[in-house]
Amino acid sequence: MAQLTTKELTALDEQLNQEQVYIKKYRTMAGQCSDPQLKQQLESITARHQSHYNTLINHLK
């Protein structure tokens, strides 16, 4: 496996941080939502961003 450059590592770090922001944001909104359909959509978005985060972490291992 090739070594990542400092620039690539910085970009990955920024993307990981952004995914964490999205996860927290959508999880909070879903928790405050009373509309079941909208709540399900927000939970789905949360899961998608969690998957993105997990994929990035796995590539760094």
PDB file of N, CA and C in Angstrom:
ATOM      1  N   MET A   1       0.850  -1.185   0.000  1.00  0.00           N
ATOM      2  CA  MET A   1       0.000   0.000   0.000  1.00  0.00           C
ATOM      3  C   MET A   1       0.890   1.241   0.000  1.00  0.00           C
ATOM      4  N   ALA A   2       0.552   2.186  -0.831  1.00  0.00           N
ATOM      5  CA  ALA A   2       1.336   3.408  -0.953  1.00  0.00           C
ATOM      6  C   ALA A   2       1.101   4.320   0.246  1.00  0.00           C
ATOM      7  N   GLN A   3       2.137   5.051   0.589  1.00  0.00           N
ATOM      8  CA  GLN A   3       2.034   6.031   1.667  1.00  0.00           C
ATOM      9  C   GLN A   3       1.191   7.215   1.207  1.00  0.00           C
ATOM     10  N   LEU A   4       0.379   7.710   2.112  1.00  0.00           N
ATOM     11  CA  LEU A   4      -0.412   8.902   1.808  1.00  0.00           C
ATOM     12  C   LEU A   4       0.432  10.142   2.066  1.00  0.00           C
ATOM     13  N   THR A   5       0.228  11.143   1.235  1.00  0.00           N
ATOM     14  CA  THR A   5       0.950  12.394   1.433  1.00  0.00           C
ATOM     15  C   THR A   5       0.316  13.168   2.588  1.00  0.00           C
ATOM     16  N   THR A   6       1.018  14.161   3.063  1.00  0.00           N
ATOM     17  CA  THR A   6       0.496  15.015   4.126  1.00  0.00           C
ATOM     18  C   THR A   6      -0.792  15.689   3.666  1.00  0.00           C
ATOM     19  N   LYS A   7      -0.815  16.116   2.421  1.00  0.00           N
ATOM     20  CA  LYS A   7      -2.007  16.765   1.875  1.00  0.00           C
ATOM     21  C   LYS A   7      -3.197  15.800   1.857  1.00  0.00           C
ATOM     22  N   GLU A   8      -2.948  14.559   1.464  1.00  0.00           N
ATOM     23  CA  GLU A   8      -4.021  13.559   1.437  1.00  0.00           C
ATOM     24  C   GLU A   8      -4.516  13.241   2.846  1.00  0.00           C
ATOM     25  N   LEU A   9      -3.597  13.118   3.783  1.00  0.00           N
ATOM     26  CA  LEU A   9      -3.984  12.857   5.174  1.00  0.00           C
ATOM     27  C   LEU A   9      -4.793  14.009   5.755  1.00  0.00           C
ATOM     28  N   THR A  10      -4.408  15.223   5.420  1.00  0.00           N
ATOM     29  CA  THR A  10      -5.151  16.403   5.873  1.00  0.00           C
ATOM     30  C   THR A  10      -6.559  16.398   5.297  1.00  0.00           C
ATOM     31  N   ALA A  11      -6.678  16.067   4.020  1.00  0.00           N
ATOM     32  CA  ALA A  11      -7.996  16.012   3.374  1.00  0.00           C
ATOM     33  C   ALA A  11      -8.867  14.930   4.008  1.00  0.00           C
ATOM     34  N   LEU A  12      -8.268  13.780   4.293  1.00  0.00           N
ATOM     35  CA  LEU A  12      -9.020  12.707   4.950  1.00  0.00           C
ATOM     36  C   LEU A  12      -9.460  13.123   6.347  1.00  0.00           C
ATOM     37  N   ASP A  13      -8.587  13.776   7.069  1.00  0.00           N
ATOM     38  CA  ASP A  13      -8.924  14.247   8.414  1.00  0.00           C
ATOM     39  C   ASP A  13     -10.088  15.233   8.359  1.00  0.00           C
ATOM     40  N   GLU A  14     -10.034  16.138   7.399  1.00  0.00           N
ATOM     41  CA  GLU A  14     -11.123  17.109   7.242  1.00  0.00           C
ATOM     42  C   GLU A  14     -12.430  16.410   6.880  1.00  0.00           C
ATOM     43  N   GLN A  15     -12.366  15.415   6.013  1.00  0.00           N
ATOM     44  CA  GLN A  15     -13.577  14.691   5.627  1.00  0.00           C
ATOM     45  C   GLN A  15     -14.140  13.903   6.807  1.00  0.00           C
ATOM     46  N   LEU A  16     -13.263  13.278   7.595  1.00  0.00           N
ATOM     47  CA  LEU A  16     -13.718  12.560   8.790  1.00  0.00           C
ATOM     48  C   LEU A  16     -14.418  13.511   9.757  1.00  0.00           C
ATOM     49  N   ASN A  17     -13.823  14.673   9.960  1.00  0.00           N
ATOM     50  CA  ASN A  17     -14.433  15.665  10.847  1.00  0.00           C
ATOM     51  C   ASN A  17     -15.786  16.118  10.322  1.00  0.00           C
ATOM     52  N   GLN A  18     -15.887  16.322   9.008  1.00  0.00           N
ATOM     53  CA  GLN A  18     -17.151  16.751   8.413  1.00  0.00           C
ATOM     54  C   GLN A  18     -18.213  15.668   8.554  1.00  0.00           C
ATOM     55  N   GLU A  19     -17.830  14.420   8.348  1.00  0.00           N
ATOM     56  CA  GLU A  19     -18.786  13.320   8.517  1.00  0.00           C
ATOM     57  C   GLU A  19     -19.287  13.272   9.960  1.00  0.00           C
ATOM     58  N   GLN A  20     -18.410  13.501  10.926  1.00  0.00           N
ATOM     59  CA  GLN A  20     -18.833  13.521  12.326  1.00  0.00           C
ATOM     60  C   GLN A  20     -19.832  14.646  12.587  1.00  0.00           C
ATOM     61  N   VAL A  21     -19.616  15.798  11.981  1.00  0.00           N
ATOM     62  CA  VAL A  21     -20.549  16.918  12.114  1.00  0.00           C
ATOM     63  C   VAL A  21     -21.910  16.525  11.544  1.00  0.00           C
ATOM     64  N   TYR A  22     -21.912  15.919  10.356  1.00  0.00           N
ATOM     65  CA  TYR A  22     -23.164  15.494   9.733  1.00  0.00           C
ATOM     66  C   TYR A  22     -23.894  14.471  10.607  1.00  0.00           C
ATOM     67  N   ILE A  23     -23.157  13.499  11.123  1.00  0.00           N
ATOM     68  CA  ILE A  23     -23.756  12.460  11.965  1.00  0.00           C
ATOM     69  C   ILE A  23     -24.437  13.094  13.173  1.00  0.00           C
ATOM     70  N   LYS A  24     -23.728  13.965  13.849  1.00  0.00           N
ATOM     71  CA  LYS A  24     -24.280  14.616  15.038  1.00  0.00           C
ATOM     72  C   LYS A  24     -25.498  15.474  14.682  1.00  0.00           C
ATOM     73  N   LYS A  25     -25.386  16.228  13.607  1.00  0.00           N
ATOM     74  CA  LYS A  25     -26.453  17.133  13.176  1.00  0.00           C
ATOM     75  C   LYS A  25     -27.740  16.373  12.847  1.00  0.00           C
ATOM     76  N   TYR A  26     -27.631  15.346  12.004  1.00  0.00           N
ATOM     77  CA  TYR A  26     -28.820  14.613  11.584  1.00  0.00           C
ATOM     78  C   TYR A  26     -29.382  13.741  12.705  1.00  0.00           C
ATOM     79  N   ARG A  27     -28.517  13.205  13.561  1.00  0.00           N
ATOM     80  CA  ARG A  27     -28.991  12.423  14.706  1.00  0.00           C
ATOM     81  C   ARG A  27     -29.792  13.320  15.655  1.00  0.00           C
ATOM     82  N   THR A  28     -29.297  14.526  15.881  1.00  0.00           N
ATOM     83  CA  THR A  28     -30.003  15.484  16.738  1.00  0.00           C
ATOM     84  C   THR A  28     -31.351  15.857  16.137  1.00  0.00           C
ATOM     85  N   MET A  29     -31.364  16.161  14.842  1.00  0.00           N
ATOM     86  CA  MET A  29     -32.625  16.526  14.187  1.00  0.00           C
ATOM     87  C   MET A  29     -33.621  15.371  14.237  1.00  0.00           C
ATOM     88  N   ALA A  30     -33.154  14.145  14.001  1.00  0.00           N
ATOM     89  CA  ALA A  30     -34.049  12.987  14.047  1.00  0.00           C
ATOM     90  C   ALA A  30     -34.628  12.819  15.447  1.00  0.00           C
ATOM     91  N   GLY A  31     -33.813  13.056  16.462  1.00  0.00           N
ATOM     92  CA  GLY A  31     -34.270  12.935  17.843  1.00  0.00           C
ATOM     93  C   GLY A  31     -35.316  13.965  18.220  1.00  0.00           C
ATOM     94  N   GLN A  32     -35.321  15.090  17.538  1.00  0.00           N
ATOM     95  CA  GLN A  32     -36.261  16.167  17.846  1.00  0.00           C
ATOM     96  C   GLN A  32     -37.491  16.142  16.943  1.00  0.00           C
ATOM     97  N   CYS A  33     -37.506  15.253  15.980  1.00  0.00           N
ATOM     98  CA  CYS A  33     -38.562  15.234  14.964  1.00  0.00           C
ATOM     99  C   CYS A  33     -39.771  14.431  15.445  1.00  0.00           C
ATOM    100  N   SER A  34     -40.953  14.989  15.233  1.00  0.00           N
ATOM    101  CA  SER A  34     -42.179  14.276  15.625  1.00  0.00           C
ATOM    102  C   SER A  34     -42.855  13.600  14.428  1.00  0.00           C
ATOM    103  N   ASP A  35     -42.491  13.987  13.226  1.00  0.00           N
ATOM    104  CA  ASP A  35     -43.057  13.389  12.018  1.00  0.00           C
ATOM    105  C   ASP A  35     -42.320  12.076  11.725  1.00  0.00           C
ATOM    106  N   PRO A  36     -43.012  10.932  11.807  1.00  0.00           N
ATOM    107  CA  PRO A  36     -42.335   9.635  11.644  1.00  0.00           C
ATOM    108  C   PRO A  36     -41.628   9.468  10.293  1.00  0.00           C
ATOM    109  N   GLN A  37     -42.241   9.976   9.226  1.00  0.00           N
ATOM    110  CA  GLN A  37     -41.631   9.847   7.901  1.00  0.00           C
ATOM    111  C   GLN A  37     -40.343  10.659   7.804  1.00  0.00           C
ATOM    112  N   LEU A  38     -40.386  11.874   8.280  1.00  0.00           N
ATOM    113  CA  LEU A  38     -39.211  12.732   8.259  1.00  0.00           C
ATOM    114  C   LEU A  38     -38.134  12.178   9.190  1.00  0.00           C
ATOM    115  N   LYS A  39     -38.551  11.687  10.352  1.00  0.00           N
ATOM    116  CA  LYS A  39     -37.602  11.099  11.301  1.00  0.00           C
ATOM    117  C   LYS A  39     -36.851   9.933  10.652  1.00  0.00           C
ATOM    118  N   GLN A  40     -37.590   9.094   9.903  1.00  0.00           N
ATOM    119  CA  GLN A  40     -36.966   7.950   9.243  1.00  0.00           C
ATOM    120  C   GLN A  40     -35.973   8.412   8.188  1.00  0.00           C
ATOM    121  N   GLN A  41     -36.315   9.455   7.453  1.00  0.00           N
ATOM    122  CA  GLN A  41     -35.394   9.990   6.441  1.00  0.00           C
ATOM    123  C   GLN A  41     -34.124  10.535   7.095  1.00  0.00           C
ATOM    124  N   LEU A  42     -34.287  11.246   8.203  1.00  0.00           N
ATOM    125  CA  LEU A  42     -33.123  11.792   8.903  1.00  0.00           C
ATOM    126  C   LEU A  42     -32.249  10.675   9.471  1.00  0.00           C
ATOM    127  N   GLU A  43     -32.880   9.621   9.977  1.00  0.00           N
ATOM    128  CA  GLU A  43     -32.112   8.479  10.485  1.00  0.00           C
ATOM    129  C   GLU A  43     -31.365   7.780   9.353  1.00  0.00           C
ATOM    130  N   SER A  44     -31.980   7.730   8.183  1.00  0.00           N
ATOM    131  CA  SER A  44     -31.335   7.137   7.011  1.00  0.00           C
ATOM    132  C   SER A  44     -30.120   7.967   6.589  1.00  0.00           C
ATOM    133  N   ILE A  45     -30.256   9.273   6.620  1.00  0.00           N
ATOM    134  CA  ILE A  45     -29.135  10.162   6.283  1.00  0.00           C
ATOM    135  C   ILE A  45     -28.013   9.990   7.309  1.00  0.00           C
ATOM    136  N   THR A  46     -28.390   9.889   8.576  1.00  0.00           N
ATOM    137  CA  THR A  46     -27.394   9.663   9.634  1.00  0.00           C
ATOM    138  C   THR A  46     -26.626   8.377   9.371  1.00  0.00           C
ATOM    139  N   ALA A  47     -27.347   7.317   9.041  1.00  0.00           N
ATOM    140  CA  ALA A  47     -26.710   6.020   8.782  1.00  0.00           C
ATOM    141  C   ALA A  47     -25.766   6.094   7.588  1.00  0.00           C
ATOM    142  N   ARG A  48     -26.168   6.837   6.564  1.00  0.00           N
ATOM    143  CA  ARG A  48     -25.319   6.976   5.373  1.00  0.00           C
ATOM    144  C   ARG A  48     -24.001   7.683   5.725  1.00  0.00           C
ATOM    145  N   HIS A  49     -24.090   8.737   6.524  1.00  0.00           N
ATOM    146  CA  HIS A  49     -22.867   9.443   6.914  1.00  0.00           C
ATOM    147  C   HIS A  49     -22.018   8.604   7.866  1.00  0.00           C
ATOM    148  N   GLN A  50     -22.661   7.801   8.711  1.00  0.00           N
ATOM    149  CA  GLN A  50     -21.909   6.897   9.579  1.00  0.00           C
ATOM    150  C   GLN A  50     -21.160   5.876   8.734  1.00  0.00           C
ATOM    151  N   SER A  51     -21.809   5.407   7.671  1.00  0.00           N
ATOM    152  CA  SER A  51     -21.170   4.462   6.758  1.00  0.00           C
ATOM    153  C   SER A  51     -19.970   5.100   6.063  1.00  0.00           C
ATOM    154  N   HIS A  52     -20.122   6.355   5.626  1.00  0.00           N
ATOM    155  CA  HIS A  52     -19.004   7.074   5.001  1.00  0.00           C
ATOM    156  C   HIS A  52     -17.832   7.175   5.975  1.00  0.00           C
ATOM    157  N   TYR A  53     -18.155   7.552   7.210  1.00  0.00           N
ATOM    158  CA  TYR A  53     -17.116   7.688   8.244  1.00  0.00           C
ATOM    159  C   TYR A  53     -16.403   6.350   8.453  1.00  0.00           C
ATOM    160  N   ASN A  54     -17.183   5.286   8.605  1.00  0.00           N
ATOM    161  CA  ASN A  54     -16.598   3.963   8.847  1.00  0.00           C
ATOM    162  C   ASN A  54     -15.722   3.523   7.672  1.00  0.00           C
ATOM    163  N   THR A  55     -16.157   3.807   6.462  1.00  0.00           N
ATOM    164  CA  THR A  55     -15.379   3.439   5.276  1.00  0.00           C
ATOM    165  C   THR A  55     -14.031   4.163   5.270  1.00  0.00           C
ATOM    166  N   LEU A  56     -14.056   5.454   5.568  1.00  0.00           N
ATOM    167  CA  LEU A  56     -12.798   6.218   5.613  1.00  0.00           C
ATOM    168  C   LEU A  56     -11.864   5.672   6.683  1.00  0.00           C
ATOM    169  N   ILE A  57     -12.409   5.386   7.854  1.00  0.00           N
ATOM    170  CA  ILE A  57     -11.581   4.856   8.941  1.00  0.00           C
ATOM    171  C   ILE A  57     -10.969   3.513   8.530  1.00  0.00           C
ATOM    172  N   ASN A  58     -11.763   2.654   7.912  1.00  0.00           N
ATOM    173  CA  ASN A  58     -11.265   1.348   7.498  1.00  0.00           C
ATOM    174  C   ASN A  58     -10.151   1.462   6.460  1.00  0.00           C
ATOM    175  N   HIS A  59     -10.220   2.453   5.608  1.00  0.00           N
ATOM    176  CA  HIS A  59      -9.161   2.654   4.609  1.00  0.00           C
ATOM    177  C   HIS A  59      -7.868   3.147   5.253  1.00  0.00           C
ATOM    178  N   LEU A  60      -7.981   3.745   6.414  1.00  0.00           N
ATOM    179  CA  LEU A  60      -6.785   4.247   7.092  1.00  0.00           C
ATOM    180  C   LEU A  60      -6.083   3.183   7.929  1.00  0.00           C
ATOM    181  N   LYS A  61      -6.744   2.060   8.133  1.00  0.00           N
ATOM    182  CA  LYS A  61      -6.146   0.983   8.949  1.00  0.00           C
ATOM    183  C   LYS A  61      -5.104   0.231   8.175  1.00  0.00           C
TER     184      LYS A  61
END
